[in-house]
Amino acid sequence: MTEQPMVIGRIGRPHGIRGELTIDVRTDDPDLRFAAGVRLATDPASAGPLTVDRPRWHSGRLLVRFAGVDDRTAAEQLRGVWLVVDPADILVSDDPDDFHDQELVGLAVVTVGGERVGTVTEIRHHAQDLLVIGRDSGGEALVPFVAALVPEVDVPAGRLVIDPPPGLLDDGS
């Protein structure tokens, strides 16, 4: 069975007139994944591969210029393209508490009391990693991915245990 490519980012809007693009980062190591000279596969494949020419951070946002993308018009054609890597190219960590997004997405989520909550649908990497949980009852819940709130991750068993404080899973009604 062939593993699906792992998303590391999505190309956003152009920045300026010289071909720079904003990147919606979906990796915990953007400086490595978007280093100058790195060649990235794309989804759709017809948009790439793309080679990083010059990355830089600007106001907390990653801006990348790709080789051969020299103006705003060329950059606009890449808007919305997913940047992907082969999972085989990702180094496995020795840390038992280190997970890749694709390992977590799809896991069943239960509380420490055994009540089923839903399924992990996405990981958002902001100031703090957030688990996006598609709730069985409808809607979604955002749970900070910290040991105090997520005491157990059992990838082989396909489940993740959360210990939510009062109010975290309230639906607002």
Protein backbone atom coordinates (compact mmCIF):
# COMPACT_ATOMS: atom_id res chain seq x y z
CA MET A 1 0.00 0.00 0.00
CA THR A 2 1.35 3.42 -0.97
CA GLU A 3 1.18 6.10 1.69
CA GLN A 4 -0.51 9.38 0.82
CA PRO A 5 1.77 12.42 0.52
CA MET A 6 2.01 14.48 3.69
CA VAL A 7 0.89 18.11 3.43
CA ILE A 8 3.45 20.59 4.75
CA GLY A 9 1.80 23.77 3.51
CA ARG A 10 -0.62 25.47 1.21
CA ILE A 11 0.26 28.36 -1.06
CA GLY A 12 -1.71 31.49 -0.26
CA ARG A 13 -1.91 34.89 -1.89
CA PRO A 14 1.02 36.60 -3.59
CA HIS A 15 3.00 39.12 -1.57
CA GLY A 16 4.26 42.05 -3.58
CA ILE A 17 5.05 42.05 -7.30
CA ARG A 18 8.19 39.91 -7.50
CA GLY A 19 6.67 36.44 -7.12
CA GLU A 20 6.76 35.94 -3.36
CA LEU A 21 3.92 33.87 -1.95
CA THR A 22 2.45 33.50 1.51
CA ILE A 23 2.51 29.96 2.87
CA ASP A 24 -0.08 28.48 5.21
CA VAL A 25 2.39 26.29 7.12
CA ARG A 26 1.24 22.77 8.04
CA THR A 27 4.51 21.42 9.44
CA ASP A 28 6.20 21.73 12.79
CA ASP A 29 9.60 22.39 11.13
CA PRO A 30 9.04 25.07 8.47
CA ASP A 31 12.66 26.23 8.49
CA LEU A 32 13.77 22.75 7.40
CA ARG A 33 10.91 21.99 4.99
CA PHE A 34 11.08 25.39 3.25
CA ALA A 35 14.86 25.90 3.23
CA ALA A 36 16.45 27.39 0.10
CA GLY A 37 17.07 24.68 -2.49
CA VAL A 38 14.41 22.28 -1.22
CA ARG A 39 12.35 20.74 -4.03
CA LEU A 40 8.68 20.24 -3.14
CA ALA A 41 6.03 18.08 -4.75
CA THR A 42 2.60 19.66 -5.27
CA ASP A 43 -1.05 18.70 -5.29
CA PRO A 44 -2.09 19.00 -8.04
CA ALA A 45 1.12 17.46 -9.37
CA SER A 46 0.85 19.54 -12.57
CA ALA A 47 1.74 22.69 -10.56
CA GLY A 48 5.17 21.41 -9.58
CA PRO A 49 7.57 20.35 -8.46
CA LEU A 50 8.62 23.69 -7.02
CA THR A 51 12.09 24.58 -5.75
CA VAL A 52 12.38 27.02 -2.86
CA ASP A 53 14.53 29.95 -3.97
CA ARG A 54 14.24 32.25 -0.98
CA PRO A 55 12.21 31.84 2.21
CA ARG A 56 11.76 34.59 4.79
CA TRP A 57 9.55 35.40 7.72
CA HIS A 58 7.58 38.63 7.62
CA SER A 59 5.22 39.69 10.42
CA GLY A 60 4.94 36.09 11.65
CA ARG A 61 4.09 34.75 8.19
CA LEU A 62 6.27 32.61 5.96
CA LEU A 63 6.93 34.11 2.54
CA VAL A 64 8.56 31.96 -0.15
CA ARG A 65 9.87 32.75 -3.57
CA PHE A 66 10.06 29.69 -5.82
CA ALA A 67 12.58 29.33 -8.65
CA GLY A 68 11.04 30.46 -11.95
CA VAL A 69 8.16 32.33 -10.30
CA ASP A 70 9.30 35.88 -10.95
CA ASP A 71 6.20 38.05 -10.89
CA ARG A 72 2.80 38.44 -9.29
CA THR A 73 0.98 36.92 -12.29
CA ALA A 74 3.02 33.69 -12.11
CA ALA A 75 2.61 33.63 -8.32
CA GLU A 76 -1.18 34.02 -8.57
CA GLN A 77 -1.33 30.84 -10.70
CA LEU A 78 -0.02 28.85 -7.69
CA ARG A 79 -2.57 30.13 -5.20
CA GLY A 80 -4.29 27.23 -3.40
CA VAL A 81 -1.70 24.60 -4.40
CA TRP A 82 -0.81 22.11 -1.65
CA LEU A 83 2.88 21.47 -0.92
CA VAL A 84 3.56 17.85 -0.04
CA VAL A 85 6.37 15.47 0.88
CA ASP A 86 6.66 11.69 0.79
CA PRO A 87 6.10 10.31 4.32
CA ALA A 88 9.14 8.05 3.77
CA ASP A 89 11.26 11.23 3.73
CA ILE A 90 10.16 12.17 7.25
CA LEU A 91 12.55 11.11 10.00
CA VAL A 92 10.99 9.07 12.79
CA SER A 93 11.55 10.63 16.20
CA ASP A 94 12.86 8.70 19.19
CA ASP A 95 10.50 10.73 21.39
CA PRO A 96 7.37 8.67 22.23
CA ASP A 97 5.43 11.92 22.65
CA ASP A 98 6.29 13.22 19.16
CA PHE A 99 3.61 12.69 16.50
CA HIS A 100 3.14 13.71 12.89
CA ASP A 101 -0.19 15.21 11.90
CA GLN A 102 -1.08 12.28 9.65
CA GLU A 103 -0.75 9.91 12.63
CA LEU A 104 -3.32 11.88 14.63
CA VAL A 105 -5.89 12.73 11.96
CA GLY A 106 -8.58 10.04 11.99
CA LEU A 107 -8.04 8.93 15.59
CA ALA A 108 -11.17 8.39 17.68
CA VAL A 109 -11.37 10.79 20.62
CA VAL A 110 -12.70 9.66 24.01
CA THR A 111 -12.67 11.28 27.43
CA VAL A 112 -10.79 9.78 30.38
CA GLY A 113 -14.22 8.53 31.50
CA GLY A 114 -14.63 6.58 28.25
CA GLU A 115 -17.25 8.84 26.62
CA ARG A 116 -16.76 9.08 22.85
CA VAL A 117 -16.37 12.68 21.66
CA GLY A 118 -15.58 12.38 17.94
CA THR A 119 -12.64 12.13 15.56
CA VAL A 120 -9.51 14.22 15.05
CA THR A 121 -10.01 15.97 11.69
CA GLU A 122 -7.10 18.41 11.62
CA ILE A 123 -4.14 19.77 13.56
CA ARG A 124 -3.68 23.54 13.59
CA HIS A 125 -0.19 24.86 14.26
CA HIS A 126 -0.39 28.30 15.78
CA ALA A 127 1.22 29.61 18.95
CA GLN A 128 0.11 26.26 20.38
CA ASP A 129 -0.87 23.09 18.52
CA LEU A 130 -4.63 22.56 18.48
CA LEU A 131 -6.51 19.34 17.78
CA VAL A 132 -9.64 19.95 15.72
CA ILE A 133 -12.18 17.33 16.73
CA GLY A 134 -15.21 16.64 14.58
CA ARG A 135 -17.82 16.00 17.25
CA ASP A 136 -20.16 13.04 16.94
CA SER A 137 -22.92 15.38 18.16
CA GLY A 138 -22.14 17.90 15.39
CA GLY A 139 -19.77 20.79 15.11
CA GLU A 140 -16.18 20.78 16.18
CA ALA A 141 -14.12 21.26 19.31
CA LEU A 142 -10.64 22.73 19.58
CA VAL A 143 -8.42 21.07 22.17
CA PRO A 144 -4.90 22.31 22.93
CA PHE A 145 -2.48 19.44 22.29
CA VAL A 146 -0.78 19.46 25.70
CA ALA A 147 -0.16 16.57 28.09
CA ALA A 148 -2.52 17.96 30.75
CA LEU A 149 -5.47 17.81 28.32
CA VAL A 150 -4.34 14.88 26.15
CA PRO A 151 -2.91 12.30 28.57
CA GLU A 152 -2.91 9.40 26.11
CA VAL A 153 -2.33 8.94 22.40
CA ASP A 154 -2.54 5.35 21.20
CA VAL A 155 -1.93 5.42 17.46
CA PRO A 156 -1.94 1.59 17.01
CA ALA A 157 -5.32 1.37 18.78
CA GLY A 158 -6.65 4.34 16.78
CA ARG A 159 -7.63 6.48 19.76
CA LEU A 160 -6.72 9.59 21.66
CA VAL A 161 -7.84 10.26 25.25
CA ILE A 162 -8.65 13.77 26.42
CA ASP A 163 -9.20 15.15 29.92
CA PRO A 164 -11.17 18.32 29.17
CA PRO A 165 -11.70 20.93 31.88
CA PRO A 166 -15.30 21.98 32.51
CA GLY A 167 -16.68 23.99 29.60
CA LEU A 168 -14.12 22.96 26.96
CA LEU A 169 -16.56 20.67 25.16
CA ASP A 170 -19.66 22.81 25.72
CA ASP A 171 -21.42 23.54 22.44
CA GLY A 172 -22.39 27.06 23.46
CA SER A 173 -26.11 26.37 23.63
